[in-house]
Amino acid sequence: FDATVTKVNNLSIGSRNYVLGTKNALSWSGTGMNNQASSDSDPTNVYTMNKSVLGHAVMISYNLTIDSDMPSTASVGLQFYSYPSWDQLVISGAHNSGTYKFSSAYSMPNDTKPTQEARIRGIANGYTGNISISNVKIEIGTLATDWSPAPEDVDAQIAQVKITADGVYQTVNDPQTGLNTRVSTAEGNINELSLIHI
Protein backbone atom coordinates (compact mmCIF):
# COMPACT_ATOMS: atom_id res chain seq x y z
CA PHE A 1 0.00 0.00 0.00
CA ASP A 2 2.77 2.49 0.92
CA ALA A 3 4.51 1.87 -2.41
CA THR A 4 1.27 2.68 -4.27
CA VAL A 5 0.74 5.88 -2.26
CA THR A 6 4.32 6.98 -3.02
CA LYS A 7 3.85 6.25 -6.72
CA VAL A 8 0.62 8.28 -6.86
CA ASN A 9 2.10 11.15 -4.82
CA ASN A 10 5.06 11.37 -7.24
CA LEU A 11 2.83 11.43 -10.33
CA SER A 12 2.84 14.65 -12.31
CA ILE A 13 0.94 15.21 -15.56
CA GLY A 14 1.86 18.10 -17.84
CA SER A 15 0.08 17.96 -21.25
CA ARG A 16 1.48 21.25 -22.67
CA ASN A 17 3.82 20.51 -25.60
CA TYR A 18 7.05 22.53 -25.49
CA VAL A 19 8.17 21.52 -29.00
CA LEU A 20 7.11 23.80 -31.85
CA GLY A 21 6.24 22.75 -35.39
CA THR A 22 5.40 19.13 -34.60
CA LYS A 23 2.45 19.02 -37.00
CA ASN A 24 5.00 18.02 -39.65
CA ALA A 25 7.09 14.87 -39.25
CA LEU A 26 10.88 14.80 -39.42
CA SER A 27 11.75 12.56 -42.38
CA TRP A 28 15.13 11.48 -43.73
CA SER A 29 17.08 8.43 -44.88
CA GLY A 30 19.82 6.48 -43.16
CA THR A 31 22.62 4.80 -45.10
CA GLY A 32 24.04 2.66 -42.29
CA MET A 33 26.51 5.27 -41.04
CA ASN A 34 26.49 6.78 -37.54
CA ASN A 35 25.28 10.29 -36.64
CA GLN A 36 23.07 10.76 -39.69
CA ALA A 37 20.80 13.64 -38.78
CA SER A 38 17.53 14.85 -40.26
CA SER A 39 19.21 18.25 -40.63
CA ASP A 40 22.15 16.95 -42.73
CA SER A 41 20.41 17.34 -46.11
CA ASP A 42 17.87 19.94 -44.99
CA PRO A 43 18.88 22.37 -42.20
CA THR A 44 15.21 23.23 -41.61
CA ASN A 45 14.30 19.59 -40.86
CA VAL A 46 14.44 20.28 -37.09
CA TYR A 47 12.08 21.32 -34.30
CA THR A 48 12.46 24.28 -31.94
CA MET A 49 11.80 23.99 -28.21
CA ASN A 50 10.19 26.58 -26.00
CA LYS A 51 13.09 27.19 -23.61
CA SER A 52 10.87 27.60 -20.55
CA VAL A 53 10.96 23.77 -20.31
CA LEU A 54 14.70 23.84 -19.55
CA GLY A 55 15.59 22.95 -15.97
CA HIS A 56 12.54 20.69 -15.49
CA ALA A 57 11.91 16.95 -15.26
CA VAL A 58 10.01 16.06 -18.42
CA MET A 59 8.50 13.24 -20.42
CA ILE A 60 9.57 12.97 -24.04
CA SER A 61 7.44 10.97 -26.45
CA TYR A 62 7.29 10.43 -30.20
CA ASN A 63 6.33 7.93 -32.89
CA LEU A 64 9.11 6.38 -34.96
CA THR A 65 8.40 4.78 -38.35
CA ILE A 66 11.10 2.79 -40.14
CA ASP A 67 10.60 1.11 -43.51
CA SER A 68 13.21 -1.64 -43.13
CA ASP A 69 14.32 -3.90 -40.32
CA MET A 70 16.74 -2.34 -37.84
CA PRO A 71 19.78 -4.40 -36.78
CA SER A 72 20.62 -4.95 -33.11
CA THR A 73 23.56 -2.51 -33.33
CA ALA A 74 21.46 0.39 -34.68
CA SER A 75 19.55 3.22 -33.01
CA VAL A 76 17.14 5.84 -34.34
CA GLY A 77 15.36 8.70 -32.61
CA LEU A 78 15.75 12.30 -31.48
CA GLN A 79 18.81 14.31 -30.56
CA PHE A 80 19.08 17.70 -28.92
CA TYR A 81 20.82 19.81 -31.55
CA SER A 82 23.90 21.37 -29.95
CA TYR A 83 22.09 23.19 -27.16
CA PRO A 84 21.27 22.44 -24.37
CA SER A 85 23.18 19.19 -25.02
CA TRP A 86 23.93 16.59 -27.70
CA ASP A 87 21.92 13.90 -25.84
CA GLN A 88 20.16 11.27 -27.94
CA LEU A 89 16.73 9.86 -27.04
CA VAL A 90 16.58 6.80 -29.27
CA ILE A 91 15.01 3.43 -29.87
CA SER A 92 17.86 0.93 -30.18
CA GLY A 93 18.32 -2.74 -30.91
CA ALA A 94 16.72 -5.09 -33.43
CA HIS A 95 13.26 -3.96 -34.59
CA ASN A 96 11.16 -4.96 -37.59
CA SER A 97 9.95 -2.31 -39.98
CA GLY A 98 6.90 -0.50 -38.65
CA THR A 99 5.88 2.24 -36.25
CA TYR A 100 7.00 2.38 -32.62
CA LYS A 101 6.04 4.64 -29.71
CA PHE A 102 8.92 6.09 -27.67
CA SER A 103 8.36 7.56 -24.22
CA SER A 104 10.99 8.34 -21.59
CA ALA A 105 11.62 10.52 -18.57
CA TYR A 106 14.40 13.07 -18.99
CA SER A 107 15.91 15.78 -16.81
CA MET A 108 16.32 18.93 -18.89
CA PRO A 109 19.49 20.91 -18.19
CA ASN A 110 19.22 24.53 -17.07
CA ASP A 111 19.27 27.32 -19.62
CA THR A 112 22.84 28.64 -19.63
CA LYS A 113 22.62 30.52 -22.94
CA PRO A 114 19.48 32.67 -22.92
CA THR A 115 20.01 33.99 -26.44
CA GLN A 116 20.60 30.61 -28.11
CA GLU A 117 17.77 28.64 -29.68
CA ALA A 118 17.11 25.11 -28.39
CA ARG A 119 16.43 22.66 -31.24
CA ILE A 120 15.78 18.94 -31.72
CA ARG A 121 16.56 16.86 -34.78
CA GLY A 122 16.25 13.26 -35.86
CA ILE A 123 19.32 11.02 -35.54
CA ALA A 124 20.18 7.58 -36.98
CA ASN A 125 23.12 5.35 -36.08
CA GLY A 126 23.82 2.23 -38.16
CA TYR A 127 20.38 2.14 -39.79
CA THR A 128 19.68 1.85 -43.52
CA GLY A 129 16.25 2.96 -44.73
CA ASN A 130 13.67 5.73 -44.58
CA ILE A 131 12.84 7.23 -41.19
CA SER A 132 9.93 9.35 -40.00
CA ILE A 133 9.46 10.79 -36.52
CA SER A 134 6.06 12.27 -35.71
CA ASN A 135 3.91 13.34 -32.77
CA VAL A 136 6.92 14.68 -30.87
CA LYS A 137 6.00 15.99 -27.45
CA ILE A 138 8.03 17.24 -24.49
CA GLU A 139 5.96 17.99 -21.42
CA ILE A 140 6.77 18.79 -17.82
CA GLY A 141 5.80 15.90 -15.58
CA THR A 142 6.24 12.18 -15.04
CA LEU A 143 3.48 10.81 -17.30
CA ALA A 144 3.37 11.09 -21.09
CA THR A 145 0.04 12.21 -22.55
CA ASP A 146 -1.29 12.07 -26.12
CA TRP A 147 0.27 14.36 -28.70
CA SER A 148 -1.05 17.89 -29.01
CA PRO A 149 0.48 20.89 -30.78
CA ALA A 150 2.36 23.55 -28.85
CA PRO A 151 0.15 26.54 -27.95
CA GLU A 152 2.41 28.74 -30.11
CA ASP A 153 1.51 26.59 -33.15
CA VAL A 154 -2.21 26.90 -32.42
CA ASP A 155 -1.85 30.68 -32.01
CA ALA A 156 -0.08 30.85 -35.39
CA GLN A 157 -2.92 28.89 -37.04
CA ILE A 158 -5.52 31.21 -35.50
CA ALA A 159 -3.57 34.24 -36.74
CA GLN A 160 -3.49 32.76 -40.27
CA VAL A 161 -7.25 32.16 -40.20
CA LYS A 162 -7.75 35.79 -39.09
CA ILE A 163 -5.57 37.05 -41.97
CA THR A 164 -7.60 34.95 -44.41
CA ALA A 165 -10.90 36.16 -42.94
CA ASP A 166 -9.71 39.79 -43.09
CA GLY A 167 -8.78 39.28 -46.76
CA VAL A 168 -12.23 37.87 -47.56
CA TYR A 169 -13.87 40.79 -45.73
CA GLN A 170 -11.82 43.25 -47.79
CA THR A 171 -12.72 41.46 -51.03
CA VAL A 172 -16.43 41.59 -50.20
CA ASN A 173 -16.51 45.16 -48.88
CA ASP A 174 -14.03 47.05 -51.09
CA PRO A 175 -15.92 50.24 -52.15
CA GLN A 176 -14.55 50.09 -55.72
CA THR A 177 -14.55 46.41 -56.65
CA GLY A 178 -16.05 44.57 -53.69
CA LEU A 179 -18.85 42.06 -54.04
CA ASN A 180 -21.24 44.31 -52.07
CA THR A 181 -20.69 47.14 -54.57
CA ARG A 182 -21.04 44.83 -57.56
CA VAL A 183 -24.25 43.21 -56.25
CA SER A 184 -25.78 46.62 -55.45
CA THR A 185 -24.93 47.86 -58.97
CA ALA A 186 -26.41 44.72 -60.55
CA GLU A 187 -29.59 45.02 -58.48
CA GLY A 188 -29.90 48.67 -59.53
CA ASN A 189 -29.55 47.70 -63.19
CA ILE A 190 -32.18 44.95 -62.79
CA ASN A 191 -34.61 47.44 -61.19
CA GLU A 192 -34.08 49.88 -64.09
CA LEU A 193 -34.79 47.13 -66.62
CA SER A 194 -37.94 46.01 -64.83
CA LEU A 195 -39.36 49.57 -65.03
CA ILE A 196 -39.12 49.71 -68.83
CA HIS A 197 -42.44 48.76 -70.55
CA ILE A 198 -42.63 47.62 -74.10
C-alpha atoms as a PDB file:
ATOM      1  CA  PHE A   1       0.000   0.000   0.000  1.00  0.00           C
ATOM      2  CA  ASP A   2       2.774   2.486   0.916  1.00  0.00           C
ATOM      3  CA  ALA A   3       4.510   1.872  -2.412  1.00  0.00           C
ATOM      4  CA  THR A   4       1.274   2.678  -4.268  1.00  0.00           C
ATOM      5  CA  VAL A   5       0.741   5.879  -2.259  1.00  0.00           C
ATOM      6  CA  THR A   6       4.322   6.984  -3.018  1.00  0.00           C
ATOM      7  CA  LYS A   7       3.850   6.247  -6.719  1.00  0.00           C
ATOM      8  CA  VAL A   8       0.623   8.285  -6.864  1.00  0.00           C
ATOM      9  CA  ASN A   9       2.104  11.147  -4.820  1.00  0.00           C
ATOM     10  CA  ASN A  10       5.060  11.365  -7.241  1.00  0.00           C
ATOM     11  CA  LEU A  11       2.831  11.428 -10.328  1.00  0.00           C
ATOM     12  CA  SER A  12       2.844  14.654 -12.305  1.00  0.00           C
ATOM     13  CA  ILE A  13       0.936  15.213 -15.560  1.00  0.00           C
ATOM     14  CA  GLY A  14       1.857  18.096 -17.839  1.00  0.00           C
ATOM     15  CA  SER A  15       0.084  17.962 -21.245  1.00  0.00           C
ATOM     16  CA  ARG A  16       1.481  21.247 -22.665  1.00  0.00           C
ATOM     17  CA  ASN A  17       3.816  20.511 -25.598  1.00  0.00           C
ATOM     18  CA  TYR A  18       7.052  22.530 -25.487  1.00  0.00           C
ATOM     19  CA  VAL A  19       8.168  21.520 -29.000  1.00  0.00           C
ATOM     20  CA  LEU A  20       7.106  23.803 -31.851  1.00  0.00           C
ATOM     21  CA  GLY A  21       6.241  22.751 -35.392  1.00  0.00           C
ATOM     22  CA  THR A  22       5.403  19.131 -34.604  1.00  0.00           C
ATOM     23  CA  LYS A  23       2.454  19.017 -37.002  1.00  0.00           C
ATOM     24  CA  ASN A  24       4.999  18.018 -39.647  1.00  0.00           C
ATOM     25  CA  ALA A  25       7.087  14.870 -39.252  1.00  0.00           C
ATOM     26  CA  LEU A  26      10.879  14.804 -39.422  1.00  0.00           C
ATOM     27  CA  SER A  27      11.747  12.557 -42.380  1.00  0.00           C
ATOM     28  CA  TRP A  28      15.132  11.477 -43.728  1.00  0.00           C
ATOM     29  CA  SER A  29      17.081   8.429 -44.876  1.00  0.00           C
ATOM     30  CA  GLY A  30      19.823   6.477 -43.155  1.00  0.00           C
ATOM     31  CA  THR A  31      22.625   4.796 -45.102  1.00  0.00           C
ATOM     32  CA  GLY A  32      24.036   2.661 -42.294  1.00  0.00           C
ATOM     33  CA  MET A  33      26.508   5.274 -41.039  1.00  0.00           C
ATOM     34  CA  ASN A  34      26.488   6.784 -37.540  1.00  0.00           C
ATOM     35  CA  ASN A  35      25.277  10.290 -36.641  1.00  0.00           C
ATOM     36  CA  GLN A  36      23.070  10.758 -39.691  1.00  0.00           C
ATOM     37  CA  ALA A  37      20.800  13.636 -38.780  1.00  0.00           C
ATOM     38  CA  SER A  38      17.527  14.849 -40.262  1.00  0.00           C
ATOM     39  CA  SER A  39      19.206  18.253 -40.634  1.00  0.00           C
ATOM     40  CA  ASP A  40      22.148  16.949 -42.734  1.00  0.00           C
ATOM     41  CA  SER A  41      20.415  17.338 -46.110  1.00  0.00           C
ATOM     42  CA  ASP A  42      17.872  19.941 -44.991  1.00  0.00           C
ATOM     43  CA  PRO A  43      18.882  22.366 -42.195  1.00  0.00           C
ATOM     44  CA  THR A  44      15.208  23.234 -41.606  1.00  0.00           C
ATOM     45  CA  ASN A  45      14.302  19.595 -40.860  1.00  0.00           C
ATOM     46  CA  VAL A  46      14.444  20.279 -37.095  1.00  0.00           C
ATOM     47  CA  TYR A  47      12.080  21.322 -34.300  1.00  0.00           C
ATOM     48  CA  THR A  48      12.461  24.278 -31.943  1.00  0.00           C
ATOM     49  CA  MET A  49      11.798  23.987 -28.214  1.00  0.00           C
ATOM     50  CA  ASN A  50      10.187  26.579 -25.997  1.00  0.00           C
ATOM     51  CA  LYS A  51      13.085  27.187 -23.611  1.00  0.00           C
ATOM     52  CA  SER A  52      10.871  27.600 -20.550  1.00  0.00           C
ATOM     53  CA  VAL A  53      10.963  23.775 -20.306  1.00  0.00           C
ATOM     54  CA  LEU A  54      14.698  23.842 -19.550  1.00  0.00           C
ATOM     55  CA  GLY A  55      15.589  22.948 -15.966  1.00  0.00           C
ATOM     56  CA  HIS A  56      12.535  20.690 -15.492  1.00  0.00           C
ATOM     57  CA  ALA A  57      11.914  16.955 -15.257  1.00  0.00           C
ATOM     58  CA  VAL A  58      10.006  16.059 -18.415  1.00  0.00           C
ATOM     59  CA  MET A  59       8.502  13.243 -20.420  1.00  0.00           C
ATOM     60  CA  ILE A  60       9.572  12.972 -24.038  1.00  0.00           C
ATOM     61  CA  SER A  61       7.437  10.974 -26.452  1.00  0.00           C
ATOM     62  CA  TYR A  62       7.285  10.433 -30.200  1.00  0.00           C
ATOM     63  CA  ASN A  63       6.326   7.929 -32.892  1.00  0.00           C
ATOM     64  CA  LEU A  64       9.113   6.380 -34.962  1.00  0.00           C
ATOM     65  CA  THR A  65       8.400   4.782 -38.346  1.00  0.00           C
ATOM     66  CA  ILE A  66      11.104   2.786 -40.141  1.00  0.00           C
ATOM     67  CA  ASP A  67      10.597   1.106 -43.512  1.00  0.00           C
ATOM     68  CA  SER A  68      13.211  -1.641 -43.135  1.00  0.00           C
ATOM     69  CA  ASP A  69      14.316  -3.903 -40.317  1.00  0.00           C
ATOM     70  CA  MET A  70      16.735  -2.338 -37.843  1.00  0.00           C
ATOM     71  CA  PRO A  71      19.784  -4.401 -36.785  1.00  0.00           C
ATOM     72  CA  SER A  72      20.621  -4.948 -33.114  1.00  0.00           C
ATOM     73  CA  THR A  73      23.558  -2.508 -33.327  1.00  0.00           C
ATOM     74  CA  ALA A  74      21.455   0.388 -34.682  1.00  0.00           C
ATOM     75  CA  SER A  75      19.553   3.217 -33.005  1.00  0.00           C
ATOM     76  CA  VAL A  76      17.143   5.836 -34.343  1.00  0.00           C
ATOM     77  CA  GLY A  77      15.357   8.703 -32.608  1.00  0.00           C
ATOM     78  CA  LEU A  78      15.747  12.305 -31.477  1.00  0.00           C
ATOM     79  CA  GLN A  79      18.808  14.313 -30.558  1.00  0.00           C
ATOM     80  CA  PHE A  80      19.084  17.698 -28.923  1.00  0.00           C
ATOM     81  CA  TYR A  81      20.816  19.805 -31.546  1.00  0.00           C
ATOM     82  CA  SER A  82      23.899  21.372 -29.953  1.00  0.00           C
ATOM     83  CA  TYR A  83      22.092  23.194 -27.157  1.00  0.00           C
ATOM     84  CA  PRO A  84      21.274  22.436 -24.368  1.00  0.00           C
ATOM     85  CA  SER A  85      23.184  19.190 -25.016  1.00  0.00           C
ATOM     86  CA  TRP A  86      23.928  16.588 -27.695  1.00  0.00           C
ATOM     87  CA  ASP A  87      21.922  13.902 -25.841  1.00  0.00           C
ATOM     88  CA  GLN A  88      20.157  11.271 -27.941  1.00  0.00           C
ATOM     89  CA  LEU A  89      16.734   9.857 -27.040  1.00  0.00           C
ATOM     90  CA  VAL A  90      16.575   6.798 -29.275  1.00  0.00           C
ATOM     91  CA  ILE A  91      15.013   3.428 -29.875  1.00  0.00           C
ATOM     92  CA  SER A  92      17.857   0.928 -30.181  1.00  0.00           C
ATOM     93  CA  GLY A  93      18.316  -2.744 -30.912  1.00  0.00           C
ATOM     94  CA  ALA A  94      16.718  -5.091 -33.427  1.00  0.00           C
ATOM     95  CA  HIS A  95      13.261  -3.963 -34.590  1.00  0.00           C
ATOM     96  CA  ASN A  96      11.165  -4.963 -37.588  1.00  0.00           C
ATOM     97  CA  SER A  97       9.952  -2.308 -39.984  1.00  0.00           C
ATOM     98  CA  GLY A  98       6.897  -0.504 -38.647  1.00  0.00           C
ATOM     99  CA  THR A  99       5.875   2.238 -36.246  1.00  0.00           C
ATOM    100  CA  TYR A 100       7.003   2.378 -32.617  1.00  0.00           C
ATOM    101  CA  LYS A 101       6.036   4.641 -29.713  1.00  0.00           C
ATOM    102  CA  PHE A 102       8.918   6.090 -27.671  1.00  0.00           C
ATOM    103  CA  SER A 103       8.362   7.556 -24.217  1.00  0.00           C
ATOM    104  CA  SER A 104      10.988   8.340 -21.593  1.00  0.00           C
ATOM    105  CA  ALA A 105      11.615  10.524 -18.571  1.00  0.00           C
ATOM    106  CA  TYR A 106      14.400  13.068 -18.989  1.00  0.00           C
ATOM    107  CA  SER A 107      15.905  15.775 -16.810  1.00  0.00           C
ATOM    108  CA  MET A 108      16.320  18.933 -18.885  1.00  0.00           C
ATOM    109  CA  PRO A 109      19.489  20.910 -18.188  1.00  0.00           C
ATOM    110  CA  ASN A 110      19.221  24.526 -17.074  1.00  0.00           C
ATOM    111  CA  ASP A 111      19.267  27.319 -19.620  1.00  0.00           C
ATOM    112  CA  THR A 112      22.838  28.637 -19.627  1.00  0.00           C
ATOM    113  CA  LYS A 113      22.621  30.522 -22.944  1.00  0.00           C
ATOM    114  CA  PRO A 114      19.475  32.671 -22.921  1.00  0.00           C
ATOM    115  CA  THR A 115      20.014  33.994 -26.444  1.00  0.00           C
ATOM    116  CA  GLN A 116      20.602  30.608 -28.106  1.00  0.00           C
ATOM    117  CA  GLU A 117      17.773  28.644 -29.679  1.00  0.00           C
ATOM    118  CA  ALA A 118      17.112  25.109 -28.395  1.00  0.00           C
ATOM    119  CA  ARG A 119      16.430  22.662 -31.239  1.00  0.00           C
ATOM    120  CA  ILE A 120      15.783  18.944 -31.720  1.00  0.00           C
ATOM    121  CA  ARG A 121      16.561  16.862 -34.784  1.00  0.00           C
ATOM    122  CA  GLY A 122      16.253  13.256 -35.857  1.00  0.00           C
ATOM    123  CA  ILE A 123      19.318  11.017 -35.544  1.00  0.00           C
ATOM    124  CA  ALA A 124      20.182   7.584 -36.978  1.00  0.00           C
ATOM    125  CA  ASN A 125      23.117   5.352 -36.081  1.00  0.00           C
ATOM    126  CA  GLY A 126      23.823   2.233 -38.158  1.00  0.00           C
ATOM    127  CA  TYR A 127      20.375   2.137 -39.792  1.00  0.00           C
ATOM    128  CA  THR A 128      19.683   1.855 -43.516  1.00  0.00           C
ATOM    129  CA  GLY A 129      16.249   2.958 -44.726  1.00  0.00           C
ATOM    130  CA  ASN A 130      13.675   5.728 -44.577  1.00  0.00           C
ATOM    131  CA  ILE A 131      12.836   7.230 -41.190  1.00  0.00           C
ATOM    132  CA  SER A 132       9.931   9.350 -40.001  1.00  0.00           C
ATOM    133  CA  ILE A 133       9.459  10.795 -36.520  1.00  0.00           C
ATOM    134  CA  SER A 134       6.065  12.269 -35.713  1.00  0.00           C
ATOM    135  CA  ASN A 135       3.911  13.340 -32.771  1.00  0.00           C
ATOM    136  CA  VAL A 136       6.918  14.679 -30.869  1.00  0.00           C
ATOM    137  CA  LYS A 137       6.004  15.992 -27.445  1.00  0.00           C
ATOM    138  CA  ILE A 138       8.034  17.239 -24.493  1.00  0.00           C
ATOM    139  CA  GLU A 139       5.963  17.992 -21.418  1.00  0.00           C
ATOM    140  CA  ILE A 140       6.774  18.793 -17.823  1.00  0.00           C
ATOM    141  CA  GLY A 141       5.795  15.898 -15.575  1.00  0.00           C
ATOM    142  CA  THR A 142       6.243  12.184 -15.044  1.00  0.00           C
ATOM    143  CA  LEU A 143       3.484  10.811 -17.296  1.00  0.00           C
ATOM    144  CA  ALA A 144       3.370  11.091 -21.091  1.00  0.00           C
ATOM    145  CA  THR A 145       0.036  12.212 -22.553  1.00  0.00           C
ATOM    146  CA  ASP A 146      -1.290  12.066 -26.124  1.00  0.00           C
ATOM    147  CA  TRP A 147       0.266  14.362 -28.703  1.00  0.00           C
ATOM    148  CA  SER A 148      -1.055  17.892 -29.012  1.00  0.00           C
ATOM    149  CA  PRO A 149       0.484  20.888 -30.777  1.00  0.00           C
ATOM    150  CA  ALA A 150       2.365  23.550 -28.852  1.00  0.00           C
ATOM    151  CA  PRO A 151       0.148  26.544 -27.946  1.00  0.00           C
ATOM    152  CA  GLU A 152       2.412  28.737 -30.115  1.00  0.00           C
ATOM    153  CA  ASP A 153       1.514  26.587 -33.145  1.00  0.00           C
ATOM    154  CA  VAL A 154      -2.212  26.899 -32.419  1.00  0.00           C
ATOM    155  CA  ASP A 155      -1.849  30.679 -32.006  1.00  0.00           C
ATOM    156  CA  ALA A 156      -0.082  30.849 -35.393  1.00  0.00           C
ATOM    157  CA  GLN A 157      -2.919  28.887 -37.039  1.00  0.00           C
ATOM    158  CA  ILE A 158      -5.517  31.210 -35.499  1.00  0.00           C
ATOM    159  CA  ALA A 159      -3.573  34.240 -36.737  1.00  0.00           C
ATOM    160  CA  GLN A 160      -3.487  32.756 -40.267  1.00  0.00           C
ATOM    161  CA  VAL A 161      -7.251  32.162 -40.197  1.00  0.00           C
ATOM    162  CA  LYS A 162      -7.751  35.792 -39.094  1.00  0.00           C
ATOM    163  CA  ILE A 163      -5.572  37.048 -41.967  1.00  0.00           C
ATOM    164  CA  THR A 164      -7.596  34.951 -44.409  1.00  0.00           C
ATOM    165  CA  ALA A 165     -10.902  36.162 -42.943  1.00  0.00           C
ATOM    166  CA  ASP A 166      -9.714  39.786 -43.090  1.00  0.00           C
ATOM    167  CA  GLY A 167      -8.781  39.282 -46.757  1.00  0.00           C
ATOM    168  CA  VAL A 168     -12.233  37.870 -47.563  1.00  0.00           C
ATOM    169  CA  TYR A 169     -13.874  40.786 -45.729  1.00  0.00           C
ATOM    170  CA  GLN A 170     -11.823  43.250 -47.788  1.00  0.00           C
ATOM    171  CA  THR A 171     -12.724  41.461 -51.028  1.00  0.00           C
ATOM    172  CA  VAL A 172     -16.425  41.590 -50.204  1.00  0.00           C
ATOM    173  CA  ASN A 173     -16.512  45.158 -48.878  1.00  0.00           C
ATOM    174  CA  ASP A 174     -14.034  47.050 -51.091  1.00  0.00           C
ATOM    175  CA  PRO A 175     -15.916  50.236 -52.148  1.00  0.00           C
ATOM    176  CA  GLN A 176     -14.546  50.094 -55.723  1.00  0.00           C
ATOM    177  CA  THR A 177     -14.547  46.412 -56.650  1.00  0.00           C
ATOM    178  CA  GLY A 178     -16.053  44.566 -53.686  1.00  0.00           C
ATOM    179  CA  LEU A 179     -18.854  42.063 -54.044  1.00  0.00           C
ATOM    180  CA  ASN A 180     -21.239  44.306 -52.072  1.00  0.00           C
ATOM    181  CA  THR A 181     -20.692  47.141 -54.571  1.00  0.00           C
ATOM    182  CA  ARG A 182     -21.038  44.828 -57.562  1.00  0.00           C
ATOM    183  CA  VAL A 183     -24.251  43.212 -56.254  1.00  0.00           C
ATOM    184  CA  SER A 184     -25.784  46.615 -55.450  1.00  0.00           C
ATOM    185  CA  THR A 185     -24.932  47.860 -58.968  1.00  0.00           C
ATOM    186  CA  ALA A 186     -26.407  44.721 -60.546  1.00  0.00           C
ATOM    187  CA  GLU A 187     -29.594  45.018 -58.475  1.00  0.00           C
ATOM    188  CA  GLY A 188     -29.903  48.674 -59.531  1.00  0.00           C
ATOM    189  CA  ASN A 189     -29.547  47.701 -63.192  1.00  0.00           C
ATOM    190  CA  ILE A 190     -32.180  44.953 -62.788  1.00  0.00           C
ATOM    191  CA  ASN A 191     -34.609  47.442 -61.188  1.00  0.00           C
ATOM    192  CA  GLU A 192     -34.084  49.877 -64.092  1.00  0.00           C
ATOM    193  CA  LEU A 193     -34.790  47.127 -66.624  1.00  0.00           C
ATOM    194  CA  SER A 194     -37.943  46.011 -64.834  1.00  0.00           C
ATOM    195  CA  LEU A 195     -39.359  49.572 -65.032  1.00  0.00           C
ATOM    196  CA  ILE A 196     -39.118  49.711 -68.833  1.00  0.00           C
ATOM    197  CA  HIS A 197     -42.435  48.761 -70.550  1.00  0.00           C
ATOM    198  CA  ILE A 198     -42.633  47.617 -74.104  1.00  0.00           C
END
